[in-house]
C-alpha atoms as a PDB file:
ATOM      1  CA  MET A   1     114.509 125.118  66.430  1.00  0.00           C
ATOM      2  CA  THR A   2     111.291 127.052  67.138  1.00  0.00           C
ATOM      3  CA  SER A   3     107.908 125.405  67.654  1.00  0.00           C
ATOM      4  CA  TYR A   4     106.791 126.943  64.322  1.00  0.00           C
ATOM      5  CA  GLU A   5     109.717 125.246  62.540  1.00  0.00           C
ATOM      6  CA  ILE A   6     108.980 121.931  64.258  1.00  0.00           C
ATOM      7  CA  GLY A   7     105.317 122.161  63.229  1.00  0.00           C
ATOM      8  CA  ARG A   8     106.226 123.105  59.662  1.00  0.00           C
ATOM      9  CA  ARG A   9     108.574 120.130  59.444  1.00  0.00           C
ATOM     10  CA  ALA A  10     105.836 117.785  60.735  1.00  0.00           C
ATOM     11  CA  GLU A  11     103.308 119.197  58.230  1.00  0.00           C
ATOM     12  CA  ARG A  12     105.775 118.676  55.375  1.00  0.00           C
ATOM     13  CA  ALA A  13     106.414 115.097  56.506  1.00  0.00           C
ATOM     14  CA  ALA A  14     102.659 114.421  56.581  1.00  0.00           C
ATOM     15  CA  ALA A  15     102.250 115.967  53.129  1.00  0.00           C
ATOM     16  CA  ALA A  16     105.087 113.828  51.753  1.00  0.00           C
ATOM     17  CA  GLN A  17     103.497 110.674  53.189  1.00  0.00           C
ATOM     18  CA  LEU A  18     100.166 111.516  51.547  1.00  0.00           C
ATOM     19  CA  GLU A  19     101.845 112.269  48.210  1.00  0.00           C
ATOM     20  CA  ARG A  20     103.516 108.843  48.332  1.00  0.00           C
ATOM     21  CA  GLU A  21     100.017 107.391  48.811  1.00  0.00           C
ATOM     22  CA  GLY A  22      98.855 109.108  45.603  1.00  0.00           C
ATOM     23  CA  TYR A  23      97.100 112.182  46.974  1.00  0.00           C
ATOM     24  CA  ASP A  24      97.386 115.723  45.670  1.00  0.00           C
ATOM     25  CA  VAL A  25      98.330 117.783  48.720  1.00  0.00           C
ATOM     26  CA  VAL A  26      98.113 121.414  49.793  1.00  0.00           C
ATOM     27  CA  ARG A  27      99.700 122.599  53.020  1.00  0.00           C
ATOM     28  CA  SER A  28      98.168 125.614  54.714  1.00  0.00           C
ATOM     29  CA  ALA A  29     101.476 127.292  55.533  1.00  0.00           C
ATOM     30  CA  GLY A  30     101.504 129.421  58.676  1.00  0.00           C
ATOM     31  CA  SER A  31      97.890 128.573  59.358  1.00  0.00           C
ATOM     32  CA  LYS A  32      96.349 129.073  62.757  1.00  0.00           C
ATOM     33  CA  GLY A  33      93.147 127.481  61.444  1.00  0.00           C
ATOM     34  CA  PRO A  34      91.726 123.997  61.912  1.00  0.00           C
ATOM     35  CA  VAL A  35      93.294 122.459  58.784  1.00  0.00           C
ATOM     36  CA  ASP A  36      97.062 122.137  58.257  1.00  0.00           C
ATOM     37  CA  VAL A  37      97.010 119.790  55.253  1.00  0.00           C
ATOM     38  CA  ILE A  38      94.371 119.109  52.598  1.00  0.00           C
ATOM     39  CA  ALA A  39      94.797 115.903  50.602  1.00  0.00           C
ATOM     40  CA  CYS A  40      92.606 114.953  47.623  1.00  0.00           C
ATOM     41  CA  ASN A  41      92.282 112.022  45.292  1.00  0.00           C
ATOM     42  CA  LYS A  42      89.523 111.132  42.805  1.00  0.00           C
ATOM     43  CA  THR A  43      87.072 110.091  45.519  1.00  0.00           C
ATOM     44  CA  HIS A  44      88.037 111.698  48.841  1.00  0.00           C
ATOM     45  CA  ILE A  45      89.133 114.895  50.521  1.00  0.00           C
ATOM     46  CA  ARG A  46      91.122 114.575  53.746  1.00  0.00           C
ATOM     47  CA  LEU A  47      91.246 117.576  56.088  1.00  0.00           C
ATOM     48  CA  ILE A  48      94.134 117.062  58.490  1.00  0.00           C
ATOM     49  CA  GLN A  49      95.358 118.771  61.653  1.00  0.00           C
ATOM     50  CA  VAL A  50      99.015 117.830  62.263  1.00  0.00           C
ATOM     51  CA  LYS A  51     100.437 117.697  65.800  1.00  0.00           C
ATOM     52  CA  TYR A  52     103.998 116.950  66.860  1.00  0.00           C
ATOM     53  CA  ASN A  53     104.648 115.686  70.356  1.00  0.00           C
ATOM     54  CA  CYS A  54     101.295 116.920  71.676  1.00  0.00           C
ATOM     55  CA  GLU A  55      97.590 116.206  71.408  1.00  0.00           C
ATOM     56  CA  ALA A  56      94.952 118.301  69.670  1.00  0.00           C
ATOM     57  CA  SER A  57      92.957 120.442  72.059  1.00  0.00           C
ATOM     58  CA  PRO A  58      89.173 120.044  72.352  1.00  0.00           C
ATOM     59  CA  ALA A  59      88.785 123.422  70.596  1.00  0.00           C
ATOM     60  CA  GLU A  60      90.985 122.260  67.677  1.00  0.00           C
ATOM     61  CA  ILE A  61      88.984 119.054  67.342  1.00  0.00           C
ATOM     62  CA  GLU A  62      85.689 120.947  67.414  1.00  0.00           C
ATOM     63  CA  ALA A  63      86.877 123.439  64.774  1.00  0.00           C
ATOM     64  CA  LEU A  64      88.039 120.623  62.495  1.00  0.00           C
ATOM     65  CA  CYS A  65      84.720 118.789  62.889  1.00  0.00           C
ATOM     66  CA  TYR A  66      82.777 121.851  61.725  1.00  0.00           C
ATOM     67  CA  PHE A  67      85.044 122.611  58.749  1.00  0.00           C
ATOM     68  CA  LYS A  68      82.925 122.188  55.596  1.00  0.00           C
ATOM     69  CA  GLY A  69      83.533 119.631  52.852  1.00  0.00           C
ATOM     70  CA  PRO A  70      81.458 117.552  50.427  1.00  0.00           C
ATOM     71  CA  ALA A  71      79.155 115.238  52.403  1.00  0.00           C
ATOM     72  CA  GLY A  72      80.190 111.597  52.209  1.00  0.00           C
ATOM     73  CA  HIS A  73      83.539 112.405  50.618  1.00  0.00           C
ATOM     74  CA  THR A  74      85.345 114.395  53.300  1.00  0.00           C
ATOM     75  CA  GLU A  75      87.391 112.866  56.097  1.00  0.00           C
ATOM     76  CA  ARG A  76      88.630 114.864  59.076  1.00  0.00           C
ATOM     77  CA  GLU A  77      91.744 113.541  60.805  1.00  0.00           C
ATOM     78  CA  ILE A  78      94.272 114.379  63.502  1.00  0.00           C
ATOM     79  CA  TRP A  79      97.777 113.168  62.643  1.00  0.00           C
ATOM     80  CA  THR A  80     100.115 112.949  65.632  1.00  0.00           C
ATOM     81  CA  ARG A  81     103.793 112.088  65.725  1.00  0.00           C
ATOM     82  CA  ALA A  82     105.725 111.716  68.960  1.00  0.00           C
ATOM     83  CA  ARG A  83     109.359 112.697  69.293  1.00  0.00           C
ATOM     84  CA  GLY A  84     111.613 109.740  68.603  1.00  0.00           C
ATOM     85  CA  VAL A  85     108.811 107.614  67.136  1.00  0.00           C
ATOM     86  CA  ARG A  86     108.570 106.718  63.464  1.00  0.00           C
ATOM     87  CA  GLY A  87     105.247 106.947  61.698  1.00  0.00           C
ATOM     88  CA  TRP A  88     101.979 108.662  62.475  1.00  0.00           C
ATOM     89  CA  THR A  89      99.071 108.002  64.762  1.00  0.00           C
ATOM     90  CA  VAL A  90      95.961 108.881  62.759  1.00  0.00           C
ATOM     91  CA  LYS A  91      92.661 109.599  64.481  1.00  0.00           C
ATOM     92  CA  SER A  92      89.563 109.948  62.297  1.00  0.00           C
ATOM     93  CA  LEU A  93      86.849 112.251  63.578  1.00  0.00           C
END
């Protein structure tokens, strides 16, 4: 499996988790940008960078922090999943 396929699978798993939590979700397929998944509900927008078995680089974190969204209603997060571990580690920025 290629790293693209692994990343796509992780993004889909994150999107599915958010949908189970009641969010409407859009995945930025094939994106090289700062946001892999956008999740919205009636009060919040979550901009998420998904990583599998690695950490976000300082440049990725900086790009995500500067991505625009409505003030007071936008959360920026890094979701990380390690190989062989269930669940996500979520870091809010």
